[in-house]
C-alpha atoms as a PDB file:
ATOM      1  CA  MET A   1      -8.362   5.822 -87.289  1.00  0.00           C
ATOM      2  CA  HIS A   2      -6.601   2.592 -88.067  1.00  0.00           C
ATOM      3  CA  ILE A   3      -8.599  -0.551 -88.790  1.00  0.00           C
ATOM      4  CA  ARG A   4      -6.392  -3.678 -88.039  1.00  0.00           C
ATOM      5  CA  LYS A   5      -6.778  -7.487 -86.966  1.00  0.00           C
ATOM      6  CA  ALA A   6      -7.380  -8.215 -83.570  1.00  0.00           C
ATOM      7  CA  THR A   7      -4.900 -10.227 -81.573  1.00  0.00           C
ATOM      8  CA  GLN A   8      -4.930 -12.485 -78.157  1.00  0.00           C
ATOM      9  CA  SER A   9      -3.745  -9.077 -76.168  1.00  0.00           C
ATOM     10  CA  ASP A  10      -6.860  -7.332 -77.395  1.00  0.00           C
ATOM     11  CA  LEU A  11      -9.250 -10.046 -75.967  1.00  0.00           C
ATOM     12  CA  PRO A  12      -9.941  -8.074 -72.679  1.00  0.00           C
ATOM     13  CA  ALA A  13     -11.195  -5.097 -74.638  1.00  0.00           C
ATOM     14  CA  LEU A  14     -13.059  -7.262 -77.106  1.00  0.00           C
ATOM     15  CA  LEU A  15     -14.889  -9.029 -74.387  1.00  0.00           C
ATOM     16  CA  LYS A  16     -15.727  -5.647 -72.913  1.00  0.00           C
ATOM     17  CA  PHE A  17     -17.345  -4.527 -76.440  1.00  0.00           C
ATOM     18  CA  GLU A  18     -19.220  -7.923 -76.499  1.00  0.00           C
ATOM     19  CA  GLN A  19     -20.890  -6.849 -73.358  1.00  0.00           C
ATOM     20  CA  GLY A  20     -21.635  -3.567 -74.729  1.00  0.00           C
ATOM     21  CA  ILE A  21     -23.567  -5.144 -77.396  1.00  0.00           C
ATOM     22  CA  ILE A  22     -25.430  -7.279 -75.230  1.00  0.00           C
ATOM     23  CA  THR A  23     -26.475  -4.393 -73.071  1.00  0.00           C
ATOM     24  CA  ALA A  24     -27.585  -2.578 -76.240  1.00  0.00           C
ATOM     25  CA  GLU A  25     -29.515  -5.121 -77.414  1.00  0.00           C
ATOM     26  CA  ARG A  26     -31.043  -6.884 -74.404  1.00  0.00           C
ATOM     27  CA  HIS A  27     -34.137  -4.799 -74.455  1.00  0.00           C
ATOM     28  CA  MET A  28     -34.647  -5.649 -78.014  1.00  0.00           C
ATOM     29  CA  ASP A  29     -34.478  -9.329 -77.525  1.00  0.00           C
ATOM     30  CA  PRO A  30     -36.927 -11.233 -74.940  1.00  0.00           C
ATOM     31  CA  THR A  31     -35.393 -14.767 -75.963  1.00  0.00           C
ATOM     32  CA  LEU A  32     -31.992 -13.567 -74.175  1.00  0.00           C
ATOM     33  CA  LYS A  33     -31.189 -15.162 -70.978  1.00  0.00           C
ATOM     34  CA  GLU A  34     -30.959 -13.256 -67.606  1.00  0.00           C
ATOM     35  CA  GLY A  35     -27.486 -12.482 -66.206  1.00  0.00           C
ATOM     36  CA  PRO A  36     -24.199 -12.689 -67.841  1.00  0.00           C
ATOM     37  CA  ILE A  37     -24.064 -14.185 -71.119  1.00  0.00           C
ATOM     38  CA  ASN A  38     -21.920 -14.140 -74.354  1.00  0.00           C
ATOM     39  CA  TYR A  39     -22.690 -14.400 -77.969  1.00  0.00           C
ATOM     40  CA  TYR A  40     -19.363 -15.410 -79.104  1.00  0.00           C
ATOM     41  CA  ASP A  41     -16.133 -17.387 -78.626  1.00  0.00           C
ATOM     42  CA  LEU A  42     -13.885 -14.493 -79.153  1.00  0.00           C
ATOM     43  CA  GLY A  43     -10.600 -16.286 -78.139  1.00  0.00           C
ATOM     44  CA  GLU A  44     -11.200 -18.884 -80.595  1.00  0.00           C
ATOM     45  CA  TYR A  45     -12.127 -16.490 -83.319  1.00  0.00           C
ATOM     46  CA  LEU A  46      -9.080 -14.675 -83.023  1.00  0.00           C
ATOM     47  CA  ASP A  47      -7.009 -17.979 -84.178  1.00  0.00           C
ATOM     48  CA  ALA A  48      -9.515 -19.473 -86.719  1.00  0.00           C
ATOM     49  CA  THR A  49      -8.689 -19.306 -90.402  1.00  0.00           C
ATOM     50  CA  ASP A  50     -12.289 -18.695 -91.648  1.00  0.00           C
ATOM     51  CA  THR A  51     -12.704 -15.641 -89.354  1.00  0.00           C
ATOM     52  CA  GLU A  52     -10.934 -12.206 -89.355  1.00  0.00           C
ATOM     53  CA  VAL A  53     -11.559 -10.159 -85.987  1.00  0.00           C
ATOM     54  CA  VAL A  54     -11.007  -6.720 -86.436  1.00  0.00           C
ATOM     55  CA  VAL A  55     -10.676  -3.688 -84.022  1.00  0.00           C
ATOM     56  CA  ALA A  56     -10.621   0.127 -84.905  1.00  0.00           C
ATOM     57  CA  GLU A  57      -8.080   1.755 -83.169  1.00  0.00           C
ATOM     58  CA  THR A  58      -6.994   5.555 -82.596  1.00  0.00           C
ATOM     59  CA  GLY A  59      -4.277   7.157 -80.722  1.00  0.00           C
ATOM     60  CA  GLY A  60      -3.695   3.515 -78.918  1.00  0.00           C
ATOM     61  CA  LYS A  61      -7.263   3.360 -77.836  1.00  0.00           C
ATOM     62  CA  LEU A  62      -9.363   0.545 -79.164  1.00  0.00           C
ATOM     63  CA  VAL A  63     -12.870   2.070 -80.165  1.00  0.00           C
ATOM     64  CA  GLY A  64     -14.711  -0.663 -82.475  1.00  0.00           C
ATOM     65  CA  SER A  65     -14.768  -3.946 -83.351  1.00  0.00           C
ATOM     66  CA  GLY A  66     -16.292  -6.479 -85.999  1.00  0.00           C
ATOM     67  CA  TYR A  67     -15.836  -9.831 -87.496  1.00  0.00           C
ATOM     68  CA  GLY A  68     -16.081 -11.346 -90.933  1.00  0.00           C
ATOM     69  CA  GLN A  69     -16.602 -15.167 -90.821  1.00  0.00           C
ATOM     70  CA  ILE A  70     -16.656 -17.497 -94.042  1.00  0.00           C
ATOM     71  CA  ARG A  71     -20.003 -19.755 -93.761  1.00  0.00           C
ATOM     72  CA  LYS A  72     -20.905 -22.947 -95.756  1.00  0.00           C
ATOM     73  CA  ASN A  73     -24.160 -22.333 -97.502  1.00  0.00           C
ATOM     74  CA  ARG A  74     -26.887 -24.997 -98.098  1.00  0.00           C
ATOM     75  CA  GLY A  75     -26.746 -26.619-101.589  1.00  0.00           C
ATOM     76  CA  CYS A  76     -29.901 -24.901-102.964  1.00  0.00           C
ATOM     77  CA  PHE A  77     -28.115 -21.344-102.867  1.00  0.00           C
ATOM     78  CA  LYS A  78     -26.084 -19.761-105.666  1.00  0.00           C
ATOM     79  CA  TYR A  79     -22.932 -19.452-103.683  1.00  0.00           C
ATOM     80  CA  PRO A  80     -21.214 -22.467-101.843  1.00  0.00           C
ATOM     81  CA  GLU A  81     -19.956 -20.002 -98.922  1.00  0.00           C
ATOM     82  CA  TYR A  82     -21.028 -16.775 -98.049  1.00  0.00           C
ATOM     83  CA  GLY A  83     -19.429 -14.167 -95.634  1.00  0.00           C
ATOM     84  CA  SER A  84     -21.518 -13.213 -92.407  1.00  0.00           C
ATOM     85  CA  ILE A  85     -20.425  -9.861 -90.708  1.00  0.00           C
ATOM     86  CA  GLY A  86     -21.011  -9.812 -86.725  1.00  0.00           C
ATOM     87  CA  PHE A  87     -19.690  -8.168 -83.449  1.00  0.00           C
ATOM     88  CA  MET A  88     -20.185  -4.742 -84.698  1.00  0.00           C
ATOM     89  CA  PHE A  89     -19.460  -2.161 -81.922  1.00  0.00           C
ATOM     90  CA  VAL A  90     -18.287   1.513 -81.807  1.00  0.00           C
ATOM     91  CA  ASP A  91     -17.491   3.247 -78.254  1.00  0.00           C
ATOM     92  CA  GLU A  92     -20.554   5.556 -77.753  1.00  0.00           C
ATOM     93  CA  ASP A  93     -18.025   8.740 -77.758  1.00  0.00           C
ATOM     94  CA  TYR A  94     -16.837   7.888 -81.464  1.00  0.00           C
ATOM     95  CA  ARG A  95     -20.150   6.999 -83.091  1.00  0.00           C
ATOM     96  CA  GLY A  96     -20.986   8.880 -86.107  1.00  0.00           C
ATOM     97  CA  GLN A  97     -17.615   9.125 -87.429  1.00  0.00           C
ATOM     98  CA  ALA A  98     -18.070   6.478 -90.081  1.00  0.00           C
ATOM     99  CA  ILE A  99     -16.032   3.684 -87.900  1.00  0.00           C
ATOM    100  CA  ALA A 100     -18.534   0.847 -88.874  1.00  0.00           C
ATOM    101  CA  LYS A 101     -18.310   1.609 -92.380  1.00  0.00           C
ATOM    102  CA  GLN A 102     -14.666   1.467 -92.233  1.00  0.00           C
ATOM    103  CA  ILE A 103     -14.893  -1.885 -90.390  1.00  0.00           C
ATOM    104  CA  ILE A 104     -17.218  -3.162 -92.875  1.00  0.00           C
ATOM    105  CA  GLU A 105     -15.099  -2.029 -95.710  1.00  0.00           C
ATOM    106  CA  HIS A 106     -12.311  -3.952 -94.230  1.00  0.00           C
ATOM    107  CA  LEU A 107     -13.912  -6.952 -93.963  1.00  0.00           C
ATOM    108  CA  ASN A 108     -15.211  -6.895 -97.280  1.00  0.00           C
ATOM    109  CA  SER A 109     -11.761  -6.619 -98.575  1.00  0.00           C
ATOM    110  CA  TRP A 110     -10.764  -9.746 -96.672  1.00  0.00           C
ATOM    111  CA  PHE A 111     -13.849 -11.446 -97.906  1.00  0.00           C
ATOM    112  CA  ALA A 112     -13.038 -10.684-101.522  1.00  0.00           C
ATOM    113  CA  SER A 113      -9.695 -11.903-100.947  1.00  0.00           C
ATOM    114  CA  ARG A 114     -11.108 -15.237-100.246  1.00  0.00           C
ATOM    115  CA  ASN A 115     -12.899 -15.230-103.357  1.00  0.00           C
ATOM    116  CA  ILE A 116     -16.389 -14.717-101.249  1.00  0.00           C
ATOM    117  CA  GLU A 117     -19.254 -13.049-103.353  1.00  0.00           C
ATOM    118  CA  GLU A 118     -22.119 -12.551-101.023  1.00  0.00           C
ATOM    119  CA  VAL A 119     -21.905 -11.000 -97.355  1.00  0.00           C
ATOM    120  CA  ARG A 120     -24.555 -11.176 -94.927  1.00  0.00           C
ATOM    121  CA  LEU A 121     -25.355  -9.699 -91.332  1.00  0.00           C
ATOM    122  CA  THR A 122     -28.311 -10.030 -89.131  1.00  0.00           C
ATOM    123  CA  VAL A 123     -29.482  -6.927 -87.008  1.00  0.00           C
ATOM    124  CA  TYR A 124     -32.448  -6.416 -84.892  1.00  0.00           C
ATOM    125  CA  ASP A 125     -35.596  -4.874 -86.623  1.00  0.00           C
ATOM    126  CA  LYS A 126     -35.907  -2.566 -83.214  1.00  0.00           C
ATOM    127  CA  ASN A 127     -32.511  -1.103 -83.973  1.00  0.00           C
ATOM    128  CA  PRO A 128     -33.021   1.557 -86.641  1.00  0.00           C
ATOM    129  CA  GLY A 129     -29.730   3.427 -86.232  1.00  0.00           C
ATOM    130  CA  ALA A 130     -27.634   0.413 -87.075  1.00  0.00           C
ATOM    131  CA  ILE A 131     -30.121  -0.649 -89.721  1.00  0.00           C
ATOM    132  CA  LYS A 132     -29.483   2.809 -91.463  1.00  0.00           C
ATOM    133  CA  ALA A 133     -25.603   2.376 -90.849  1.00  0.00           C
ATOM    134  CA  TYR A 134     -25.692  -0.899 -92.495  1.00  0.00           C
ATOM    135  CA  GLU A 135     -27.617   0.481 -95.448  1.00  0.00           C
ATOM    136  CA  LYS A 136     -25.202   3.297 -95.793  1.00  0.00           C
ATOM    137  CA  ALA A 137     -22.670   0.582 -96.113  1.00  0.00           C
ATOM    138  CA  GLY A 138     -24.511  -0.890 -98.983  1.00  0.00           C
ATOM    139  CA  PHE A 139     -26.496  -3.432 -97.238  1.00  0.00           C
ATOM    140  CA  GLU A 140     -30.067  -4.504 -98.384  1.00  0.00           C
ATOM    141  CA  LYS A 141     -32.888  -5.811 -96.233  1.00  0.00           C
ATOM    142  CA  HIS A 142     -33.404  -9.727 -97.598  1.00  0.00           C
ATOM    143  CA  LEU A 143     -35.308 -11.681 -95.218  1.00  0.00           C
ATOM    144  CA  ILE A 144     -37.451 -11.008 -91.857  1.00  0.00           C
ATOM    145  CA  GLU A 145     -37.226 -13.633 -89.001  1.00  0.00           C
ATOM    146  CA  MET A 146     -40.311 -13.684 -87.030  1.00  0.00           C
ATOM    147  CA  ARG A 147     -40.876 -15.527 -83.900  1.00  0.00           C
ATOM    148  CA  LEU A 148     -44.014 -16.652 -81.776  1.00  0.00           C
ATOM    149  CA  ASN A 149     -43.995 -17.464 -78.002  1.00  0.00           C
ATOM    150  CA  LEU A 150     -46.439 -20.258 -77.541  1.00  0.00           C
ATOM    151  CA  LYS A 151     -46.603 -19.679 -73.707  1.00  0.00           C
ATOM    152  CA  ASP A 152     -47.699 -15.995 -74.451  1.00  0.00           C
ATOM    153  CA  LYS A 153     -50.910 -17.071 -76.486  1.00  0.00           C
END
């Protein structure tokens, strides 16, 4: 397995991965619009200096992805910037092989090279498999986001 920086030529596969993520998460989030949607501007991310998009490749086949993005923190926090991990995807046929962990390790090295000390990510509470994988990679639960739909009251 090889983890490398994604290129513009990887964009068609990355867009398919994004739709795989959306398909998997659609039942977890009643706030998502119906029909085709996108979470990310992947074409822009590939060229951004504050974002590192990576792919997992084996035998010339792309089987996973993720991104790390440097974001500004609000002034009340200890660190002026933090790293945000997202776009985590591993092809079903390759799950259970610690590919997500390798992607996270690669992104953490990239963050460290940029002097970023804190890394965050968000994950759906209804996605215990992803939570377990992130905990194995060293992440801890920190905040819980809650929502209320006033029309449902």
